[in-house]
Amino acid sequence: MPTDVAIHPLTAGRWADFEALFGPKGARDSCWCMYWRLTGSAFARNGNAGNRSAMRALADTGPAPGLLAYVERQAVGWIALAPRADTPRLTRSPVLKPVDDLDVWAITCLFVHRDWRGRHLMRRLIDAAIDHARRQGAAAVEAFPDWKGGKPPGTGWEQPYMGSMAAYRDAGFVEVARRKPHRPILRLTFDTEPA
C-alpha cells in the first residue's frame, strides 16, 4: 500500500485530474459517474458529452460529488458519494431503494486506475468517504456491493465498481437490507458528532 496517498474532494480546480483519470470514455461506457444521479432516460439522452458536462457542473458548483486519490500528484482513484436525495436512480430502484428515512449518504462508485489496483486504495477511499460524509453532517453512509461480482442491470460495467463486500465490512459497515440475493445494502451509522 502506498503511504503517500492524498485524498481530496473533486472541485473545479481538480477537474483536469478527474478527466485524466477517467479518460475519453468517462471511465467506462460514457458514464462519467452520472449513472445513479440521473433517470435512465436522461442518462441515455446525455451520452458521453452530456454526462461529462453534468459531472463537470457538479465539480464546478459543489458540493463535491466525490473524492480523488492521488499518488505523487497524479489522480489514481475515485469514490463517488452524495446524499441519497442526489441519486434518484437509487431511490427508484426496487432493490436499492431507501430502507428508512435516515439522512443517509450513498457511495455509488469506486474507480481505481488499472496500474494501481490491488494496492488497497479502495479501502483508503472508503475511509476517506466515511470521514467526508460525517463531516458534512450525514447520519450514515450506505454502500451497495455486488457480492457475486455480476453486472448491474443494463450496464457494461465490470464489478466491483461499487466496491467489494470485504472492504466495506472491514470499514465497519453492516448489512441492513437485501432485496436480491446478490445485492446487499450495507450501512455505517455515526454515533457521535464529527471532531
N, C-alpha and C. Protein backbone atom coordinates (compact mmCIF):
# COMPACT_ATOMS: atom_id res chain seq x y z
N MET A 1 0.85 -1.19 0.00
CA MET A 1 0.00 0.00 0.00
C MET A 1 0.88 1.24 0.00
N PRO A 2 0.65 2.16 -0.95
CA PRO A 2 1.44 3.39 -0.93
C PRO A 2 1.12 4.20 0.31
N THR A 3 2.15 4.80 0.90
CA THR A 3 1.94 5.59 2.12
C THR A 3 1.70 7.05 1.81
N ASP A 4 1.99 7.47 0.61
CA ASP A 4 1.87 8.88 0.26
C ASP A 4 0.59 9.19 -0.51
N VAL A 5 -0.50 8.56 -0.13
CA VAL A 5 -1.78 8.80 -0.78
C VAL A 5 -2.41 10.06 -0.18
N ALA A 6 -2.82 10.98 -1.04
CA ALA A 6 -3.56 12.17 -0.62
C ALA A 6 -4.95 12.09 -1.25
N ILE A 7 -5.97 12.40 -0.48
CA ILE A 7 -7.34 12.31 -0.99
C ILE A 7 -8.01 13.66 -0.83
N HIS A 8 -8.60 14.14 -1.93
CA HIS A 8 -9.20 15.47 -1.96
C HIS A 8 -10.57 15.43 -2.64
N PRO A 9 -11.49 16.32 -2.21
CA PRO A 9 -12.77 16.44 -2.91
C PRO A 9 -12.57 16.91 -4.35
N LEU A 10 -13.44 16.43 -5.24
CA LEU A 10 -13.41 16.90 -6.62
C LEU A 10 -14.04 18.28 -6.67
N THR A 11 -13.23 19.25 -7.03
CA THR A 11 -13.67 20.63 -7.21
C THR A 11 -13.28 21.07 -8.61
N ALA A 12 -13.67 22.29 -8.97
CA ALA A 12 -13.35 22.81 -10.30
C ALA A 12 -11.85 22.77 -10.55
N GLY A 13 -11.05 23.08 -9.55
CA GLY A 13 -9.61 23.11 -9.72
C GLY A 13 -8.98 21.75 -9.91
N ARG A 14 -9.72 20.69 -9.63
CA ARG A 14 -9.20 19.32 -9.80
C ARG A 14 -9.86 18.60 -10.99
N TRP A 15 -10.64 19.32 -11.77
CA TRP A 15 -11.35 18.69 -12.88
C TRP A 15 -10.39 18.02 -13.87
N ALA A 16 -9.30 18.68 -14.23
CA ALA A 16 -8.37 18.10 -15.21
C ALA A 16 -7.82 16.77 -14.71
N ASP A 17 -7.60 16.64 -13.41
CA ASP A 17 -7.11 15.38 -12.84
C ASP A 17 -8.15 14.28 -12.97
N PHE A 18 -9.41 14.64 -12.67
CA PHE A 18 -10.51 13.68 -12.80
C PHE A 18 -10.67 13.24 -14.24
N GLU A 19 -10.62 14.19 -15.15
CA GLU A 19 -10.78 13.90 -16.57
C GLU A 19 -9.65 12.99 -17.07
N ALA A 20 -8.43 13.22 -16.60
CA ALA A 20 -7.30 12.38 -17.00
C ALA A 20 -7.48 10.96 -16.45
N LEU A 21 -7.96 10.84 -15.23
CA LEU A 21 -8.19 9.52 -14.64
C LEU A 21 -9.26 8.75 -15.39
N PHE A 22 -10.35 9.41 -15.73
CA PHE A 22 -11.48 8.75 -16.37
C PHE A 22 -11.28 8.53 -17.87
N GLY A 23 -10.42 9.31 -18.51
CA GLY A 23 -10.16 9.13 -19.93
C GLY A 23 -11.31 9.59 -20.80
N PRO A 24 -11.20 9.44 -22.11
CA PRO A 24 -12.20 9.98 -23.03
C PRO A 24 -13.57 9.33 -22.94
N LYS A 25 -13.66 8.13 -22.40
CA LYS A 25 -14.95 7.44 -22.32
C LYS A 25 -15.58 7.54 -20.93
N GLY A 26 -15.06 8.40 -20.09
CA GLY A 26 -15.69 8.59 -18.78
C GLY A 26 -15.58 7.39 -17.88
N ALA A 27 -14.44 6.74 -17.86
CA ALA A 27 -14.12 5.53 -17.11
C ALA A 27 -14.65 4.31 -17.83
N ARG A 28 -15.93 4.29 -18.14
CA ARG A 28 -16.50 3.14 -18.84
C ARG A 28 -17.88 3.52 -19.38
N ASP A 29 -18.14 3.18 -20.59
CA ASP A 29 -19.48 3.35 -21.18
C ASP A 29 -20.02 4.77 -21.09
N SER A 30 -19.15 5.76 -21.17
CA SER A 30 -19.57 7.18 -21.17
C SER A 30 -20.31 7.58 -19.90
N CYS A 31 -20.01 6.93 -18.80
CA CYS A 31 -20.78 7.15 -17.58
C CYS A 31 -20.43 8.46 -16.88
N TRP A 32 -19.15 8.75 -16.75
CA TRP A 32 -18.70 9.93 -16.01
C TRP A 32 -19.30 9.98 -14.60
N CYS A 33 -19.64 8.83 -14.08
CA CYS A 33 -20.18 8.69 -12.72
C CYS A 33 -21.53 9.40 -12.55
N MET A 34 -22.31 9.44 -13.61
CA MET A 34 -23.62 10.07 -13.56
C MET A 34 -24.76 9.05 -13.54
N TYR A 35 -24.46 7.78 -13.66
CA TYR A 35 -25.48 6.75 -13.79
C TYR A 35 -26.53 6.82 -12.68
N TRP A 36 -26.12 6.91 -11.43
CA TRP A 36 -27.07 6.91 -10.31
C TRP A 36 -27.67 8.28 -10.05
N ARG A 37 -27.09 9.33 -10.63
CA ARG A 37 -27.56 10.69 -10.39
C ARG A 37 -28.65 11.14 -11.36
N LEU A 38 -28.90 10.34 -12.39
CA LEU A 38 -29.87 10.72 -13.42
C LEU A 38 -30.92 9.63 -13.60
N THR A 39 -32.05 10.00 -14.16
CA THR A 39 -33.00 8.98 -14.58
C THR A 39 -32.40 8.23 -15.76
N GLY A 40 -32.93 7.06 -16.04
CA GLY A 40 -32.42 6.26 -17.15
C GLY A 40 -32.50 6.99 -18.48
N SER A 41 -33.61 7.68 -18.72
CA SER A 41 -33.77 8.37 -20.00
C SER A 41 -32.82 9.55 -20.11
N ALA A 42 -32.61 10.29 -19.02
CA ALA A 42 -31.69 11.43 -19.05
C ALA A 42 -30.26 10.95 -19.26
N PHE A 43 -29.89 9.86 -18.61
CA PHE A 43 -28.54 9.32 -18.76
C PHE A 43 -28.30 8.92 -20.22
N ALA A 44 -29.25 8.21 -20.81
CA ALA A 44 -29.11 7.76 -22.20
C ALA A 44 -29.09 8.95 -23.16
N ARG A 45 -29.95 9.91 -22.90
CA ARG A 45 -30.04 11.08 -23.77
C ARG A 45 -28.74 11.90 -23.72
N ASN A 46 -28.13 11.99 -22.55
CA ASN A 46 -26.90 12.77 -22.39
C ASN A 46 -25.75 12.25 -23.23
N GLY A 47 -25.58 10.94 -23.25
CA GLY A 47 -24.42 10.38 -23.93
C GLY A 47 -23.13 10.81 -23.26
N ASN A 48 -22.02 10.54 -23.90
CA ASN A 48 -20.71 10.82 -23.32
C ASN A 48 -20.53 12.30 -23.00
N ALA A 49 -20.78 13.16 -23.98
CA ALA A 49 -20.54 14.59 -23.78
C ALA A 49 -21.47 15.19 -22.73
N GLY A 50 -22.72 14.77 -22.75
CA GLY A 50 -23.68 15.31 -21.78
C GLY A 50 -23.39 14.86 -20.35
N ASN A 51 -23.01 13.59 -20.19
CA ASN A 51 -22.68 13.10 -18.85
C ASN A 51 -21.41 13.76 -18.33
N ARG A 52 -20.44 13.95 -19.21
CA ARG A 52 -19.21 14.66 -18.83
C ARG A 52 -19.55 16.08 -18.38
N SER A 53 -20.38 16.78 -19.14
CA SER A 53 -20.76 18.15 -18.78
C SER A 53 -21.52 18.20 -17.47
N ALA A 54 -22.38 17.22 -17.24
CA ALA A 54 -23.16 17.18 -16.00
C ALA A 54 -22.24 16.99 -14.79
N MET A 55 -21.26 16.11 -14.91
CA MET A 55 -20.32 15.93 -13.81
C MET A 55 -19.45 17.16 -13.64
N ARG A 56 -19.05 17.76 -14.72
CA ARG A 56 -18.25 19.00 -14.64
C ARG A 56 -19.02 20.08 -13.89
N ALA A 57 -20.31 20.19 -14.17
CA ALA A 57 -21.13 21.19 -13.47
C ALA A 57 -21.17 20.92 -11.97
N LEU A 58 -21.25 19.65 -11.59
CA LEU A 58 -21.24 19.31 -10.16
C LEU A 58 -19.91 19.70 -9.52
N ALA A 59 -18.82 19.43 -10.22
CA ALA A 59 -17.50 19.80 -9.70
C ALA A 59 -17.35 21.31 -9.60
N ASP A 60 -17.91 22.03 -10.57
CA ASP A 60 -17.79 23.49 -10.60
C ASP A 60 -18.60 24.17 -9.51
N THR A 61 -19.79 23.63 -9.23
CA THR A 61 -20.71 24.34 -8.33
C THR A 61 -20.74 23.77 -6.92
N GLY A 62 -20.33 22.50 -6.75
CA GLY A 62 -20.35 21.88 -5.42
C GLY A 62 -21.76 21.58 -4.97
N PRO A 63 -21.91 20.87 -3.89
CA PRO A 63 -20.83 20.26 -3.13
C PRO A 63 -20.12 19.18 -3.94
N ALA A 64 -18.92 18.86 -3.52
CA ALA A 64 -18.08 17.89 -4.25
C ALA A 64 -18.84 16.58 -4.45
N PRO A 65 -18.87 16.07 -5.68
CA PRO A 65 -19.59 14.81 -5.96
C PRO A 65 -18.80 13.56 -5.60
N GLY A 66 -17.59 13.73 -5.11
CA GLY A 66 -16.77 12.59 -4.74
C GLY A 66 -15.36 13.01 -4.40
N LEU A 67 -14.51 12.03 -4.21
CA LEU A 67 -13.14 12.27 -3.77
C LEU A 67 -12.15 11.60 -4.72
N LEU A 68 -11.04 12.28 -4.94
CA LEU A 68 -9.96 11.75 -5.77
C LEU A 68 -8.79 11.34 -4.89
N ALA A 69 -8.19 10.20 -5.19
CA ALA A 69 -6.98 9.75 -4.52
C ALA A 69 -5.79 10.06 -5.42
N TYR A 70 -4.75 10.62 -4.83
CA TYR A 70 -3.55 11.00 -5.56
C TYR A 70 -2.34 10.25 -5.00
N VAL A 71 -1.46 9.86 -5.89
CA VAL A 71 -0.13 9.38 -5.53
C VAL A 71 0.84 10.18 -6.39
N GLU A 72 1.76 10.84 -5.74
CA GLU A 72 2.73 11.68 -6.44
C GLU A 72 2.04 12.67 -7.38
N ARG A 73 1.01 13.31 -6.88
CA ARG A 73 0.26 14.36 -7.59
C ARG A 73 -0.50 13.87 -8.81
N GLN A 74 -0.62 12.57 -8.98
CA GLN A 74 -1.41 12.02 -10.08
C GLN A 74 -2.66 11.37 -9.50
N ALA A 75 -3.82 11.69 -10.07
CA ALA A 75 -5.06 11.07 -9.62
C ALA A 75 -5.07 9.62 -10.06
N VAL A 76 -5.23 8.72 -9.07
CA VAL A 76 -5.19 7.29 -9.36
C VAL A 76 -6.45 6.56 -8.91
N GLY A 77 -7.35 7.26 -8.21
CA GLY A 77 -8.57 6.61 -7.74
C GLY A 77 -9.67 7.62 -7.48
N TRP A 78 -10.89 7.11 -7.41
CA TRP A 78 -12.08 7.95 -7.28
C TRP A 78 -13.13 7.20 -6.49
N ILE A 79 -13.85 7.93 -5.65
CA ILE A 79 -15.04 7.39 -4.99
C ILE A 79 -16.13 8.44 -5.09
N ALA A 80 -17.29 8.03 -5.58
CA ALA A 80 -18.44 8.93 -5.69
C ALA A 80 -19.31 8.76 -4.47
N LEU A 81 -19.71 9.86 -3.86
CA LEU A 81 -20.65 9.80 -2.75
C LEU A 81 -21.46 11.09 -2.72
N ALA A 82 -22.68 10.93 -2.24
CA ALA A 82 -23.61 12.05 -2.20
C ALA A 82 -24.77 11.68 -1.30
N PRO A 83 -25.51 12.70 -0.84
CA PRO A 83 -26.77 12.37 -0.15
C PRO A 83 -27.64 11.52 -1.07
N ARG A 84 -28.37 10.59 -0.49
CA ARG A 84 -29.25 9.73 -1.29
C ARG A 84 -30.22 10.55 -2.14
N ALA A 85 -30.61 11.70 -1.63
CA ALA A 85 -31.53 12.56 -2.37
C ALA A 85 -30.96 12.99 -3.72
N ASP A 86 -29.64 12.97 -3.86
CA ASP A 86 -29.00 13.37 -5.11
C ASP A 86 -28.80 12.19 -6.07
N THR A 87 -29.33 11.03 -5.71
CA THR A 87 -29.17 9.83 -6.53
C THR A 87 -30.53 9.21 -6.83
N PRO A 88 -31.30 9.83 -7.72
CA PRO A 88 -32.68 9.40 -7.95
C PRO A 88 -32.81 7.96 -8.43
N ARG A 89 -31.82 7.45 -9.13
CA ARG A 89 -31.93 6.08 -9.61
C ARG A 89 -31.87 5.09 -8.46
N LEU A 90 -31.13 5.41 -7.41
CA LEU A 90 -31.14 4.57 -6.20
C LEU A 90 -32.52 4.61 -5.54
N THR A 91 -33.07 5.80 -5.45
CA THR A 91 -34.37 5.97 -4.79
C THR A 91 -35.46 5.19 -5.51
N ARG A 92 -35.39 5.16 -6.85
CA ARG A 92 -36.43 4.47 -7.63
C ARG A 92 -36.19 2.97 -7.76
N SER A 93 -35.01 2.52 -7.42
CA SER A 93 -34.68 1.11 -7.59
C SER A 93 -35.45 0.24 -6.61
N PRO A 94 -36.15 -0.78 -7.08
CA PRO A 94 -36.84 -1.68 -6.14
C PRO A 94 -35.86 -2.46 -5.27
N VAL A 95 -34.64 -2.61 -5.72
CA VAL A 95 -33.64 -3.37 -4.97
C VAL A 95 -32.85 -2.48 -4.01
N LEU A 96 -32.55 -1.25 -4.42
CA LEU A 96 -31.68 -0.38 -3.64
C LEU A 96 -32.39 0.83 -3.03
N LYS A 97 -33.70 0.86 -3.11
CA LYS A 97 -34.46 1.99 -2.55
C LYS A 97 -34.16 2.14 -1.05
N PRO A 98 -34.47 3.32 -0.48
CA PRO A 98 -34.17 3.56 0.93
C PRO A 98 -34.80 2.53 1.86
N VAL A 99 -34.07 2.22 2.91
CA VAL A 99 -34.53 1.29 3.93
C VAL A 99 -35.41 2.02 4.94
N ASP A 100 -35.08 3.28 5.21
CA ASP A 100 -35.81 4.10 6.18
C ASP A 100 -35.60 5.56 5.81
N ASP A 101 -35.95 6.49 6.71
CA ASP A 101 -35.83 7.91 6.38
C ASP A 101 -34.61 8.56 7.01
N LEU A 102 -33.63 7.78 7.44
CA LEU A 102 -32.40 8.31 7.99
C LEU A 102 -31.67 9.14 6.93
N ASP A 103 -30.99 10.20 7.36
CA ASP A 103 -30.24 11.08 6.46
C ASP A 103 -28.95 10.36 6.04
N VAL A 104 -29.07 9.58 4.98
CA VAL A 104 -28.00 8.69 4.54
C VAL A 104 -27.31 9.27 3.31
N TRP A 105 -25.99 9.11 3.28
CA TRP A 105 -25.22 9.37 2.08
C TRP A 105 -24.92 8.03 1.41
N ALA A 106 -24.75 8.05 0.10
CA ALA A 106 -24.56 6.82 -0.66
C ALA A 106 -23.23 6.84 -1.41
N ILE A 107 -22.50 5.74 -1.31
CA ILE A 107 -21.32 5.53 -2.14
C ILE A 107 -21.79 4.78 -3.38
N THR A 108 -21.63 5.40 -4.54
CA THR A 108 -22.18 4.81 -5.76
C THR A 108 -21.13 4.36 -6.76
N CYS A 109 -19.87 4.68 -6.53
CA CYS A 109 -18.85 4.24 -7.47
C CYS A 109 -17.48 4.27 -6.81
N LEU A 110 -16.67 3.29 -7.16
CA LEU A 110 -15.25 3.25 -6.81
C LEU A 110 -14.50 2.92 -8.08
N PHE A 111 -13.52 3.74 -8.41
CA PHE A 111 -12.74 3.51 -9.62
C PHE A 111 -11.27 3.73 -9.29
N VAL A 112 -10.45 2.71 -9.54
CA VAL A 112 -9.01 2.80 -9.34
C VAL A 112 -8.34 2.51 -10.68
N HIS A 113 -7.42 3.37 -11.06
CA HIS A 113 -6.69 3.16 -12.31
C HIS A 113 -6.05 1.78 -12.31
N ARG A 114 -6.08 1.13 -13.45
CA ARG A 114 -5.63 -0.27 -13.53
C ARG A 114 -4.21 -0.45 -13.01
N ASP A 115 -3.34 0.54 -13.15
CA ASP A 115 -1.97 0.41 -12.67
C ASP A 115 -1.87 0.43 -11.14
N TRP A 116 -2.95 0.82 -10.48
CA TRP A 116 -2.93 0.95 -9.02
C TRP A 116 -3.87 -0.02 -8.32
N ARG A 117 -4.49 -0.91 -9.06
CA ARG A 117 -5.38 -1.88 -8.44
C ARG A 117 -4.58 -2.91 -7.65
N GLY A 118 -5.20 -3.45 -6.61
CA GLY A 118 -4.53 -4.43 -5.79
C GLY A 118 -3.60 -3.83 -4.75
N ARG A 119 -3.69 -2.52 -4.54
CA ARG A 119 -2.81 -1.84 -3.58
C ARG A 119 -3.58 -1.23 -2.42
N HIS A 120 -4.77 -1.70 -2.18
CA HIS A 120 -5.61 -1.28 -1.05
C HIS A 120 -6.10 0.17 -1.14
N LEU A 121 -6.12 0.72 -2.35
CA LEU A 121 -6.64 2.08 -2.49
C LEU A 121 -8.15 2.13 -2.28
N MET A 122 -8.85 1.05 -2.61
CA MET A 122 -10.30 1.02 -2.40
C MET A 122 -10.61 1.31 -0.93
N ARG A 123 -9.91 0.64 -0.04
CA ARG A 123 -10.16 0.83 1.39
C ARG A 123 -9.80 2.26 1.83
N ARG A 124 -8.73 2.81 1.30
CA ARG A 124 -8.35 4.18 1.65
C ARG A 124 -9.44 5.15 1.19
N LEU A 125 -9.99 4.92 0.01
CA LEU A 125 -11.06 5.78 -0.49
C LEU A 125 -12.34 5.63 0.34
N ILE A 126 -12.67 4.42 0.74
CA ILE A 126 -13.85 4.21 1.58
C ILE A 126 -13.68 4.94 2.92
N ASP A 127 -12.52 4.83 3.53
CA ASP A 127 -12.28 5.51 4.80
C ASP A 127 -12.41 7.03 4.64
N ALA A 128 -11.88 7.55 3.55
CA ALA A 128 -11.98 9.00 3.31
C ALA A 128 -13.43 9.41 3.06
N ALA A 129 -14.19 8.58 2.36
CA ALA A 129 -15.60 8.89 2.11
C ALA A 129 -16.39 8.90 3.42
N ILE A 130 -16.11 7.96 4.30
CA ILE A 130 -16.78 7.93 5.61
C ILE A 130 -16.52 9.24 6.34
N ASP A 131 -15.26 9.64 6.39
CA ASP A 131 -14.90 10.87 7.09
C ASP A 131 -15.56 12.08 6.45
N HIS A 132 -15.55 12.13 5.12
CA HIS A 132 -16.14 13.27 4.41
C HIS A 132 -17.65 13.37 4.68
N ALA A 133 -18.35 12.27 4.55
CA ALA A 133 -19.81 12.29 4.77
C ALA A 133 -20.13 12.69 6.21
N ARG A 134 -19.38 12.18 7.13
CA ARG A 134 -19.61 12.51 8.54
C ARG A 134 -19.42 14.00 8.79
N ARG A 135 -18.37 14.56 8.22
CA ARG A 135 -18.11 16.00 8.38
C ARG A 135 -19.17 16.86 7.70
N GLN A 136 -19.83 16.30 6.70
CA GLN A 136 -20.91 17.03 6.01
C GLN A 136 -22.24 16.88 6.73
N GLY A 137 -22.27 16.16 7.84
CA GLY A 137 -23.49 16.04 8.64
C GLY A 137 -24.34 14.82 8.37
N ALA A 138 -23.84 13.88 7.59
CA ALA A 138 -24.61 12.66 7.33
C ALA A 138 -24.80 11.87 8.62
N ALA A 139 -25.93 11.20 8.73
CA ALA A 139 -26.18 10.32 9.87
C ALA A 139 -25.59 8.94 9.63
N ALA A 140 -25.40 8.59 8.35
CA ALA A 140 -24.88 7.28 8.00
C ALA A 140 -24.41 7.31 6.55
N VAL A 141 -23.64 6.29 6.18
CA VAL A 141 -23.21 6.09 4.80
C VAL A 141 -23.65 4.70 4.39
N GLU A 142 -24.17 4.58 3.17
CA GLU A 142 -24.56 3.27 2.65
C GLU A 142 -23.73 2.92 1.42
N ALA A 143 -23.61 1.62 1.20
CA ALA A 143 -22.89 1.10 0.04
C ALA A 143 -23.65 -0.11 -0.49
N PHE A 144 -23.40 -0.45 -1.75
CA PHE A 144 -24.22 -1.43 -2.45
C PHE A 144 -23.37 -2.39 -3.28
N PRO A 145 -22.46 -3.12 -2.65
CA PRO A 145 -21.59 -4.01 -3.43
C PRO A 145 -22.36 -5.18 -4.03
N ASP A 146 -21.89 -5.62 -5.18
CA ASP A 146 -22.43 -6.83 -5.79
C ASP A 146 -21.51 -7.96 -5.36
N TRP A 147 -21.92 -8.68 -4.37
CA TRP A 147 -21.00 -9.65 -3.74
C TRP A 147 -20.66 -10.82 -4.63
N LYS A 148 -21.46 -11.08 -5.68
CA LYS A 148 -21.15 -12.17 -6.60
C LYS A 148 -20.25 -11.72 -7.74
N GLY A 149 -20.08 -10.42 -7.87
CA GLY A 149 -19.25 -9.93 -8.96
C GLY A 149 -19.95 -9.94 -10.30
N GLY A 150 -21.28 -9.90 -10.29
CA GLY A 150 -22.03 -9.84 -11.54
C GLY A 150 -22.14 -8.43 -12.04
N LYS A 151 -22.92 -8.22 -13.06
CA LYS A 151 -23.10 -6.89 -13.63
C LYS A 151 -24.47 -6.34 -13.24
N PRO A 152 -24.54 -5.04 -12.91
CA PRO A 152 -25.84 -4.46 -12.64
C PRO A 152 -26.66 -4.40 -13.93
N PRO A 153 -27.97 -4.46 -13.81
CA PRO A 153 -28.81 -4.49 -15.00
C PRO A 153 -28.57 -3.30 -15.91
N GLY A 154 -28.44 -3.58 -17.19
CA GLY A 154 -28.39 -2.53 -18.19
C GLY A 154 -27.07 -1.80 -18.32
N THR A 155 -25.99 -2.32 -17.73
CA THR A 155 -24.71 -1.63 -17.87
C THR A 155 -23.66 -2.61 -18.35
N GLY A 156 -22.57 -2.06 -18.87
CA GLY A 156 -21.45 -2.88 -19.27
C GLY A 156 -20.33 -2.86 -18.24
N TRP A 157 -20.62 -2.30 -17.07
CA TRP A 157 -19.58 -2.19 -16.05
C TRP A 157 -19.15 -3.56 -15.57
N GLU A 158 -17.88 -3.68 -15.29
CA GLU A 158 -17.36 -4.86 -14.64
C GLU A 158 -17.30 -4.57 -13.15
N GLN A 159 -17.78 -5.48 -12.36
CA GLN A 159 -17.74 -5.30 -10.91
C GLN A 159 -16.31 -5.47 -10.43
N PRO A 160 -15.94 -4.95 -9.27
CA PRO A 160 -16.83 -4.32 -8.30
C PRO A 160 -16.80 -2.80 -8.38
N TYR A 161 -17.50 -2.20 -9.33
CA TYR A 161 -17.45 -0.75 -9.46
C TYR A 161 -18.12 -0.04 -8.30
N MET A 162 -18.90 -0.76 -7.49
CA MET A 162 -19.46 -0.14 -6.29
C MET A 162 -18.72 -0.60 -5.03
N GLY A 163 -17.58 -1.23 -5.23
CA GLY A 163 -16.77 -1.64 -4.09
C GLY A 163 -16.99 -3.09 -3.73
N SER A 164 -16.10 -3.61 -2.90
CA SER A 164 -16.20 -5.02 -2.51
C SER A 164 -16.83 -5.16 -1.13
N MET A 165 -17.54 -6.23 -0.94
CA MET A 165 -18.17 -6.54 0.33
C MET A 165 -17.12 -6.55 1.45
N ALA A 166 -15.98 -7.19 1.19
CA ALA A 166 -14.94 -7.31 2.22
C ALA A 166 -14.41 -5.95 2.65
N ALA A 167 -14.18 -5.05 1.68
CA ALA A 167 -13.64 -3.73 2.03
C ALA A 167 -14.62 -2.95 2.91
N TYR A 168 -15.91 -3.03 2.60
CA TYR A 168 -16.89 -2.32 3.41
C TYR A 168 -17.02 -2.94 4.80
N ARG A 169 -17.03 -4.25 4.87
CA ARG A 169 -17.11 -4.89 6.19
C ARG A 169 -15.90 -4.56 7.04
N ASP A 170 -14.73 -4.53 6.43
CA ASP A 170 -13.52 -4.16 7.15
C ASP A 170 -13.60 -2.73 7.69
N ALA A 171 -14.35 -1.88 6.98
CA ALA A 171 -14.50 -0.48 7.40
C ALA A 171 -15.62 -0.30 8.44
N GLY A 172 -16.33 -1.39 8.78
CA GLY A 172 -17.36 -1.32 9.82
C GLY A 172 -18.79 -1.28 9.33
N PHE A 173 -19.02 -1.42 8.03
CA PHE A 173 -20.38 -1.44 7.50
C PHE A 173 -21.06 -2.75 7.90
N VAL A 174 -22.38 -2.68 8.11
CA VAL A 174 -23.17 -3.87 8.39
C VAL A 174 -24.35 -3.92 7.41
N GLU A 175 -24.83 -5.11 7.14
CA GLU A 175 -25.95 -5.27 6.21
C GLU A 175 -27.24 -4.84 6.88
N VAL A 176 -28.01 -3.99 6.19
CA VAL A 176 -29.30 -3.54 6.71
C VAL A 176 -30.48 -4.00 5.86
N ALA A 177 -30.21 -4.47 4.65
CA ALA A 177 -31.28 -4.98 3.78
C ALA A 177 -30.64 -5.79 2.66
N ARG A 178 -31.47 -6.71 2.12
CA ARG A 178 -31.05 -7.48 0.94
C ARG A 178 -32.32 -7.90 0.23
N ARG A 179 -32.66 -7.19 -0.82
CA ARG A 179 -33.88 -7.46 -1.56
C ARG A 179 -33.64 -8.37 -2.75
N LYS A 180 -32.38 -8.58 -3.07
CA LYS A 180 -31.96 -9.52 -4.11
C LYS A 180 -30.76 -10.26 -3.56
N PRO A 181 -30.65 -11.55 -3.85
CA PRO A 181 -29.59 -12.34 -3.22
C PRO A 181 -28.19 -11.76 -3.35
N HIS A 182 -27.88 -11.18 -4.52
CA HIS A 182 -26.51 -10.72 -4.75
C HIS A 182 -26.29 -9.24 -4.43
N ARG A 183 -27.30 -8.52 -3.97
CA ARG A 183 -27.14 -7.07 -3.82
C ARG A 183 -27.55 -6.59 -2.43
N PRO A 184 -26.64 -6.66 -1.46
CA PRO A 184 -26.97 -6.16 -0.12
C PRO A 184 -26.89 -4.64 -0.05
N ILE A 185 -27.58 -4.08 0.92
CA ILE A 185 -27.40 -2.68 1.29
C ILE A 185 -26.63 -2.69 2.61
N LEU A 186 -25.45 -2.09 2.58
CA LEU A 186 -24.60 -2.02 3.76
C LEU A 186 -24.62 -0.60 4.31
N ARG A 187 -24.50 -0.48 5.62
CA ARG A 187 -24.58 0.84 6.24
C ARG A 187 -23.58 0.97 7.38
N LEU A 188 -23.01 2.16 7.47
CA LEU A 188 -22.21 2.55 8.63
C LEU A 188 -22.91 3.76 9.24
N THR A 189 -23.36 3.63 10.47
CA THR A 189 -24.09 4.70 11.16
C THR A 189 -23.14 5.43 12.09
N PHE A 190 -23.26 6.75 12.13
CA PHE A 190 -22.41 7.56 13.00
C PHE A 190 -23.10 7.78 14.34
N ASP A 191 -22.38 7.51 15.42
CA ASP A 191 -22.94 7.64 16.75
C ASP A 191 -22.66 8.98 17.40
N THR A 192 -21.61 9.66 16.94
CA THR A 192 -21.23 10.92 17.58
C THR A 192 -21.02 11.99 16.54
N GLU A 193 -20.92 13.20 17.03
CA GLU A 193 -20.66 14.35 16.14
C GLU A 193 -19.21 14.30 15.64
N PRO A 194 -18.96 14.81 14.43
CA PRO A 194 -17.59 14.84 13.93
C PRO A 194 -16.70 15.73 14.80
N ALA A 195 -15.43 15.42 14.84
CA ALA A 195 -14.47 16.19 15.66
C ALA A 195 -14.17 17.52 14.98
